[in-house]
Protein backbone atom coordinates (compact mmCIF):
# COMPACT_ATOMS: atom_id res chain seq x y z
CA UNK A 1 0.00 0.00 0.00
CA UNK A 2 1.41 3.44 -0.88
CA UNK A 3 2.32 5.59 2.10
CA UNK A 4 -0.18 8.22 0.97
CA UNK A 5 -2.94 5.73 1.80
CA UNK A 6 -1.57 4.98 5.28
CA UNK A 7 -2.39 6.73 8.52
CA UNK A 8 -0.41 7.51 11.63
CA UNK A 9 -2.07 8.08 15.00
CA UNK A 10 -0.44 10.31 17.61
CA UNK A 11 -1.30 12.30 20.71
CA UNK A 12 1.45 14.93 20.55
CA UNK A 13 2.29 17.81 18.25
CA UNK A 14 5.79 16.49 17.52
CA UNK A 15 4.37 13.04 16.79
CA UNK A 16 1.84 14.46 14.33
CA UNK A 17 4.52 16.47 12.56
CA UNK A 18 6.64 13.32 12.26
CA UNK A 19 3.71 11.37 10.80
CA UNK A 20 2.98 14.16 8.34
CA UNK A 21 6.64 14.55 7.33
CA UNK A 22 6.78 10.80 6.67
CA UNK A 23 4.03 11.28 4.07
CA UNK A 24 1.25 9.61 6.05
CA UNK A 25 -2.21 10.93 6.86
CA UNK A 26 -2.03 12.25 10.42
CA UNK A 27 -4.75 11.56 12.98
CA UNK A 28 -4.46 13.19 16.38
CA UNK A 29 -6.12 12.02 19.56
CA UNK A 30 -5.10 14.85 21.91
CA UNK A 31 -4.20 13.93 25.46
CA UNK A 32 -2.55 16.58 27.61
CA UNK A 33 -1.19 18.51 24.64
CA UNK A 34 -3.70 20.30 22.41
CA UNK A 35 -2.87 20.73 18.71
CA UNK A 36 -1.05 23.89 17.71
CA UNK A 37 -2.19 25.84 14.67
CA UNK A 38 0.74 24.39 12.72
CA UNK A 39 -0.45 20.88 13.55
CA UNK A 40 -4.09 21.69 12.80
CA UNK A 41 -2.97 22.73 9.32
CA UNK A 42 -1.54 19.27 8.55
CA UNK A 43 -4.07 17.02 10.31
CA UNK A 44 -6.15 14.57 8.34
CA UNK A 45 -8.50 14.20 11.33
CA UNK A 46 -8.66 15.09 15.01
CA UNK A 47 -10.56 12.51 17.05
CA UNK A 48 -11.47 12.16 20.70
CA UNK A 49 -10.66 8.47 21.20
CA UNK A 50 -9.37 5.32 19.55
CA UNK A 51 -12.98 4.15 19.29
CA UNK A 52 -13.54 6.96 16.78
CA UNK A 53 -10.58 5.69 14.76
CA UNK A 54 -12.14 2.22 14.61
CA UNK A 55 -15.25 3.74 13.06
CA UNK A 56 -13.13 5.67 10.56
CA UNK A 57 -11.24 2.52 9.56
CA UNK A 58 -14.48 0.67 8.82
CA UNK A 59 -15.06 3.16 5.98
CA UNK A 60 -11.41 3.55 4.97
PDB file of N, CA and C in Angstrom:
ATOM      1  N   UNK A   1       0.847  -1.175   0.000  1.00  0.00           N
ATOM      2  CA  UNK A   1       0.000   0.000   0.000  1.00  0.00           C
ATOM      3  C   UNK A   1       0.896   1.242   0.000  1.00  0.00           C
ATOM      4  N   UNK A   2       0.615   2.215  -0.861  1.00  0.00           N
ATOM      5  CA  UNK A   2       1.406   3.444  -0.883  1.00  0.00           C
ATOM      6  C   UNK A   2       1.272   4.211   0.435  1.00  0.00           C
ATOM      7  N   UNK A   3       2.333   4.878   0.830  1.00  0.00           N
ATOM      8  CA  UNK A   3       2.315   5.588   2.105  1.00  0.00           C
ATOM      9  C   UNK A   3       1.241   6.663   2.145  1.00  0.00           C
ATOM     10  N   UNK A   4       0.860   7.204   1.009  1.00  0.00           N
ATOM     11  CA  UNK A   4      -0.185   8.221   0.966  1.00  0.00           C
ATOM     12  C   UNK A   4      -1.544   7.674   1.393  1.00  0.00           C
ATOM     13  N   UNK A   5      -1.688   6.354   1.385  1.00  0.00           N
ATOM     14  CA  UNK A   5      -2.941   5.726   1.800  1.00  0.00           C
ATOM     15  C   UNK A   5      -2.875   5.229   3.241  1.00  0.00           C
ATOM     16  N   UNK A   6      -1.753   5.449   3.902  1.00  0.00           N
ATOM     17  CA  UNK A   6      -1.566   4.981   5.281  1.00  0.00           C
ATOM     18  C   UNK A   6      -1.823   6.112   6.263  1.00  0.00           C
ATOM     19  N   UNK A   7      -2.168   5.743   7.483  1.00  0.00           N
ATOM     20  CA  UNK A   7      -2.392   6.735   8.522  1.00  0.00           C
ATOM     21  C   UNK A   7      -1.420   6.508   9.676  1.00  0.00           C
ATOM     22  N   UNK A   8      -1.183   7.570  10.399  1.00  0.00           N
ATOM     23  CA  UNK A   8      -0.413   7.513  11.633  1.00  0.00           C
ATOM     24  C   UNK A   8      -1.235   8.175  12.716  1.00  0.00           C
ATOM     25  N   UNK A   9      -1.264   7.578  13.885  1.00  0.00           N
ATOM     26  CA  UNK A   9      -2.066   8.079  14.997  1.00  0.00           C
ATOM     27  C   UNK A   9      -1.121   8.523  16.102  1.00  0.00           C
ATOM     28  N   UNK A  10      -1.306   9.751  16.571  1.00  0.00           N
ATOM     29  CA  UNK A  10      -0.442  10.313  17.607  1.00  0.00           C
ATOM     30  C   UNK A  10      -1.257  11.163  18.566  1.00  0.00           C
ATOM     31  N   UNK A  11      -0.651  11.434  19.735  1.00  0.00           N
ATOM     32  CA  UNK A  11      -1.305  12.300  20.711  1.00  0.00           C
ATOM     33  C   UNK A  11      -0.496  13.558  21.004  1.00  0.00           C
ATOM     34  N   UNK A  12       0.619  13.750  20.295  1.00  0.00           N
ATOM     35  CA  UNK A  12       1.450  14.926  20.548  1.00  0.00           C
ATOM     36  C   UNK A  12       1.696  15.696  19.254  1.00  0.00           C
ATOM     37  N   UNK A  13       2.000  16.976  19.414  1.00  0.00           N
ATOM     38  CA  UNK A  13       2.287  17.812  18.253  1.00  0.00           C
ATOM     39  C   UNK A  13       3.507  17.309  17.493  1.00  0.00           C
ATOM     40  N   UNK A  14       4.579  16.990  18.195  1.00  0.00           N
ATOM     41  CA  UNK A  14       5.786  16.492  17.522  1.00  0.00           C
ATOM     42  C   UNK A  14       5.513  15.173  16.815  1.00  0.00           C
ATOM     43  N   UNK A  15       4.720  14.317  17.421  1.00  0.00           N
ATOM     44  CA  UNK A  15       4.372  13.042  16.786  1.00  0.00           C
ATOM     45  C   UNK A  15       3.592  13.252  15.504  1.00  0.00           C
ATOM     46  N   UNK A  16       2.639  14.164  15.532  1.00  0.00           N
ATOM     47  CA  UNK A  16       1.842  14.463  14.331  1.00  0.00           C
ATOM     48  C   UNK A  16       2.722  15.014  13.228  1.00  0.00           C
ATOM     49  N   UNK A  17       3.631  15.910  13.576  1.00  0.00           N
ATOM     50  CA  UNK A  17       4.521  16.465  12.558  1.00  0.00           C
ATOM     51  C   UNK A  17       5.412  15.386  11.963  1.00  0.00           C
ATOM     52  N   UNK A  18       5.831  14.432  12.772  1.00  0.00           N
ATOM     53  CA  UNK A  18       6.642  13.318  12.261  1.00  0.00           C
ATOM     54  C   UNK A  18       5.834  12.454  11.303  1.00  0.00           C
ATOM     55  N   UNK A  19       4.598  12.162  11.666  1.00  0.00           N
ATOM     56  CA  UNK A  19       3.715  11.369  10.800  1.00  0.00           C
ATOM     57  C   UNK A  19       3.516  12.092   9.466  1.00  0.00           C
ATOM     58  N   UNK A  20       3.209  13.373   9.544  1.00  0.00           N
ATOM     59  CA  UNK A  20       2.978  14.162   8.335  1.00  0.00           C
ATOM     60  C   UNK A  20       4.240  14.221   7.465  1.00  0.00           C
ATOM     61  N   UNK A  21       5.382  14.456   8.085  1.00  0.00           N
ATOM     62  CA  UNK A  21       6.642  14.551   7.332  1.00  0.00           C
ATOM     63  C   UNK A  21       7.046  13.214   6.712  1.00  0.00           C
ATOM     64  N   UNK A  22       6.527  12.117   7.246  1.00  0.00           N
ATOM     65  CA  UNK A  22       6.783  10.796   6.667  1.00  0.00           C
ATOM     66  C   UNK A  22       5.867  10.525   5.480  1.00  0.00           C
ATOM     67  N   UNK A  23       4.919  11.437   5.220  1.00  0.00           N
ATOM     68  CA  UNK A  23       4.026  11.283   4.074  1.00  0.00           C
ATOM     69  C   UNK A  23       2.749  10.531   4.373  1.00  0.00           C
ATOM     70  N   UNK A  24       2.462  10.316   5.650  1.00  0.00           N
ATOM     71  CA  UNK A  24       1.246   9.605   6.047  1.00  0.00           C
ATOM     72  C   UNK A  24       0.141  10.595   6.391  1.00  0.00           C
ATOM     73  N   UNK A  25      -1.100  10.120   6.402  1.00  0.00           N
ATOM     74  CA  UNK A  25      -2.212  10.930   6.864  1.00  0.00           C
ATOM     75  C   UNK A  25      -2.168  10.920   8.398  1.00  0.00           C
ATOM     76  N   UNK A  26      -2.212  12.103   8.982  1.00  0.00           N
ATOM     77  CA  UNK A  26      -2.028  12.246  10.422  1.00  0.00           C
ATOM     78  C   UNK A  26      -3.363  12.388  11.149  1.00  0.00           C
ATOM     79  N   UNK A  27      -3.572  11.499  12.114  1.00  0.00           N
ATOM     80  CA  UNK A  27      -4.751  11.558  12.978  1.00  0.00           C
ATOM     81  C   UNK A  27      -4.271  11.828  14.393  1.00  0.00           C
ATOM     82  N   UNK A  28      -4.844  12.851  15.014  1.00  0.00           N
ATOM     83  CA  UNK A  28      -4.463  13.191  16.382  1.00  0.00           C
ATOM     84  C   UNK A  28      -5.591  12.881  17.340  1.00  0.00           C
ATOM     85  N   UNK A  29      -5.223  12.221  18.416  1.00  0.00           N
ATOM     86  CA  UNK A  29      -6.117  12.023  19.557  1.00  0.00           C
ATOM     87  C   UNK A  29      -5.444  12.756  20.715  1.00  0.00           C
ATOM     88  N   UNK A  30      -5.792  14.045  20.897  1.00  0.00           N
ATOM     89  CA  UNK A  30      -5.102  14.846  21.907  1.00  0.00           C
ATOM     90  C   UNK A  30      -5.260  14.261  23.311  1.00  0.00           C
ATOM     91  N   UNK A  31      -4.173  14.350  24.062  1.00  0.00           N
ATOM     92  CA  UNK A  31      -4.200  13.929  25.460  1.00  0.00           C
ATOM     93  C   UNK A  31      -3.999  15.190  26.303  1.00  0.00           C
ATOM     94  N   UNK A  32      -2.833  15.378  26.825  1.00  0.00           N
ATOM     95  CA  UNK A  32      -2.545  16.580  27.605  1.00  0.00           C
ATOM     96  C   UNK A  32      -2.210  17.765  26.711  1.00  0.00           C
ATOM     97  N   UNK A  33      -1.661  17.480  25.562  1.00  0.00           N
ATOM     98  CA  UNK A  33      -1.190  18.510  24.640  1.00  0.00           C
ATOM     99  C   UNK A  33      -2.225  18.736  23.548  1.00  0.00           C
ATOM    100  N   UNK A  34      -2.731  19.948  23.446  1.00  0.00           N
ATOM    101  CA  UNK A  34      -3.695  20.298  22.408  1.00  0.00           C
ATOM    102  C   UNK A  34      -2.946  20.654  21.128  1.00  0.00           C
ATOM    103  N   UNK A  35      -3.564  20.446  19.968  1.00  0.00           N
ATOM    104  CA  UNK A  35      -2.871  20.730  18.708  1.00  0.00           C
ATOM    105  C   UNK A  35      -2.598  22.224  18.520  1.00  0.00           C
ATOM    106  N   UNK A  36      -1.396  22.523  18.072  1.00  0.00           N
ATOM    107  CA  UNK A  36      -1.055  23.894  17.713  1.00  0.00           C
ATOM    108  C   UNK A  36      -1.676  24.211  16.358  1.00  0.00           C
ATOM    109  N   UNK A  37      -1.645  25.467  15.978  1.00  0.00           N
ATOM    110  CA  UNK A  37      -2.191  25.843  14.668  1.00  0.00           C
ATOM    111  C   UNK A  37      -1.402  25.167  13.557  1.00  0.00           C
ATOM    112  N   UNK A  38      -0.091  25.065  13.718  1.00  0.00           N
ATOM    113  CA  UNK A  38       0.744  24.386  12.716  1.00  0.00           C
ATOM    114  C   UNK A  38       0.291  22.939  12.531  1.00  0.00           C
ATOM    115  N   UNK A  39       0.002  22.267  13.613  1.00  0.00           N
ATOM    116  CA  UNK A  39      -0.452  20.879  13.553  1.00  0.00           C
ATOM    117  C   UNK A  39      -1.853  20.797  12.965  1.00  0.00           C
ATOM    118  N   UNK A  40      -2.730  21.694  13.357  1.00  0.00           N
ATOM    119  CA  UNK A  40      -4.089  21.689  12.798  1.00  0.00           C
ATOM    120  C   UNK A  40      -4.058  21.807  11.274  1.00  0.00           C
ATOM    121  N   UNK A  41      -3.072  22.527  10.764  1.00  0.00           N
ATOM    122  CA  UNK A  41      -2.968  22.734   9.315  1.00  0.00           C
ATOM    123  C   UNK A  41      -2.593  21.458   8.564  1.00  0.00           C
ATOM    124  N   UNK A  42      -1.985  20.485   9.242  1.00  0.00           N
ATOM    125  CA  UNK A  42      -1.540  19.265   8.550  1.00  0.00           C
ATOM    126  C   UNK A  42      -2.351  18.032   8.938  1.00  0.00           C
ATOM    127  N   UNK A  43      -3.284  18.177   9.857  1.00  0.00           N
ATOM    128  CA  UNK A  43      -4.070  17.021  10.307  1.00  0.00           C
ATOM    129  C   UNK A  43      -5.012  16.512   9.227  1.00  0.00           C
ATOM    130  N   UNK A  44      -5.117  15.200   9.147  1.00  0.00           N
ATOM    131  CA  UNK A  44      -6.153  14.568   8.342  1.00  0.00           C
ATOM    132  C   UNK A  44      -7.450  14.583   9.149  1.00  0.00           C
ATOM    133  N   UNK A  45      -7.348  14.205  10.422  1.00  0.00           N
ATOM    134  CA  UNK A  45      -8.500  14.197  11.332  1.00  0.00           C
ATOM    135  C   UNK A  45      -8.010  14.425  12.750  1.00  0.00           C
ATOM    136  N   UNK A  46      -8.861  15.038  13.563  1.00  0.00           N
ATOM    137  CA  UNK A  46      -8.665  15.086  15.007  1.00  0.00           C
ATOM    138  C   UNK A  46      -9.831  14.322  15.622  1.00  0.00           C
ATOM    139  N   UNK A  47      -9.519  13.362  16.482  1.00  0.00           N
ATOM    140  CA  UNK A  47     -10.555  12.511  17.054  1.00  0.00           C
ATOM    141  C   UNK A  47     -10.423  12.506  18.573  1.00  0.00           C
ATOM    142  N   UNK A  48     -11.494  12.108  19.241  1.00  0.00           N
ATOM    143  CA  UNK A  48     -11.472  12.158  20.703  1.00  0.00           C
ATOM    144  C   UNK A  48     -11.029  10.850  21.347  1.00  0.00           C
ATOM    145  N   UNK A  49     -11.085   9.742  20.613  1.00  0.00           N
ATOM    146  CA  UNK A  49     -10.659   8.468  21.198  1.00  0.00           C
ATOM    147  C   UNK A  49     -10.319   7.461  20.095  1.00  0.00           C
ATOM    148  N   UNK A  50      -9.676   6.390  20.504  1.00  0.00           N
ATOM    149  CA  UNK A  50      -9.372   5.316  19.548  1.00  0.00           C
ATOM    150  C   UNK A  50     -10.637   4.655  19.022  1.00  0.00           C
ATOM    151  N   UNK A  51     -11.713   4.706  19.776  1.00  0.00           N
ATOM    152  CA  UNK A  51     -12.985   4.153  19.289  1.00  0.00           C
ATOM    153  C   UNK A  51     -13.442   4.883  18.031  1.00  0.00           C
ATOM    154  N   UNK A  52     -13.194   6.196  17.975  1.00  0.00           N
ATOM    155  CA  UNK A  52     -13.537   6.960  16.775  1.00  0.00           C
ATOM    156  C   UNK A  52     -12.709   6.505  15.576  1.00  0.00           C
ATOM    157  N   UNK A  53     -11.458   6.157  15.835  1.00  0.00           N
ATOM    158  CA  UNK A  53     -10.578   5.692  14.765  1.00  0.00           C
ATOM    159  C   UNK A  53     -11.089   4.366  14.205  1.00  0.00           C
ATOM    160  N   UNK A  54     -11.580   3.496  15.066  1.00  0.00           N
ATOM    161  CA  UNK A  54     -12.135   2.222  14.614  1.00  0.00           C
ATOM    162  C   UNK A  54     -13.276   2.474  13.632  1.00  0.00           C
ATOM    163  N   UNK A  55     -14.135   3.409  13.955  1.00  0.00           N
ATOM    164  CA  UNK A  55     -15.255   3.736  13.064  1.00  0.00           C
ATOM    165  C   UNK A  55     -14.741   4.284  11.731  1.00  0.00           C
ATOM    166  N   UNK A  56     -13.719   5.129  11.784  1.00  0.00           N
ATOM    167  CA  UNK A  56     -13.132   5.669  10.563  1.00  0.00           C
ATOM    168  C   UNK A  56     -12.557   4.554   9.702  1.00  0.00           C
ATOM    169  N   UNK A  57     -11.880   3.616  10.313  1.00  0.00           N
ATOM    170  CA  UNK A  57     -11.239   2.523   9.564  1.00  0.00           C
ATOM    171  C   UNK A  57     -12.250   1.601   8.903  1.00  0.00           C
ATOM    172  N   UNK A  58     -13.439   1.500   9.444  1.00  0.00           N
ATOM    173  CA  UNK A  58     -14.477   0.672   8.822  1.00  0.00           C
ATOM    174  C   UNK A  58     -14.841   1.212   7.432  1.00  0.00           C
ATOM    175  N   UNK A  59     -14.714   2.531   7.258  1.00  0.00           N
ATOM    176  CA  UNK A  59     -15.059   3.163   5.983  1.00  0.00           C
ATOM    177  C   UNK A  59     -13.824   3.468   5.139  1.00  0.00           C
ATOM    178  N   UNK A  60     -12.659   3.148   5.631  1.00  0.00           N
ATOM    179  CA  UNK A  60     -11.410   3.551   4.974  1.00  0.00           C
ATOM    180  C   UNK A  60     -11.074   2.661   3.803  1.00  0.00           C
TER     181      UNK A  60
END
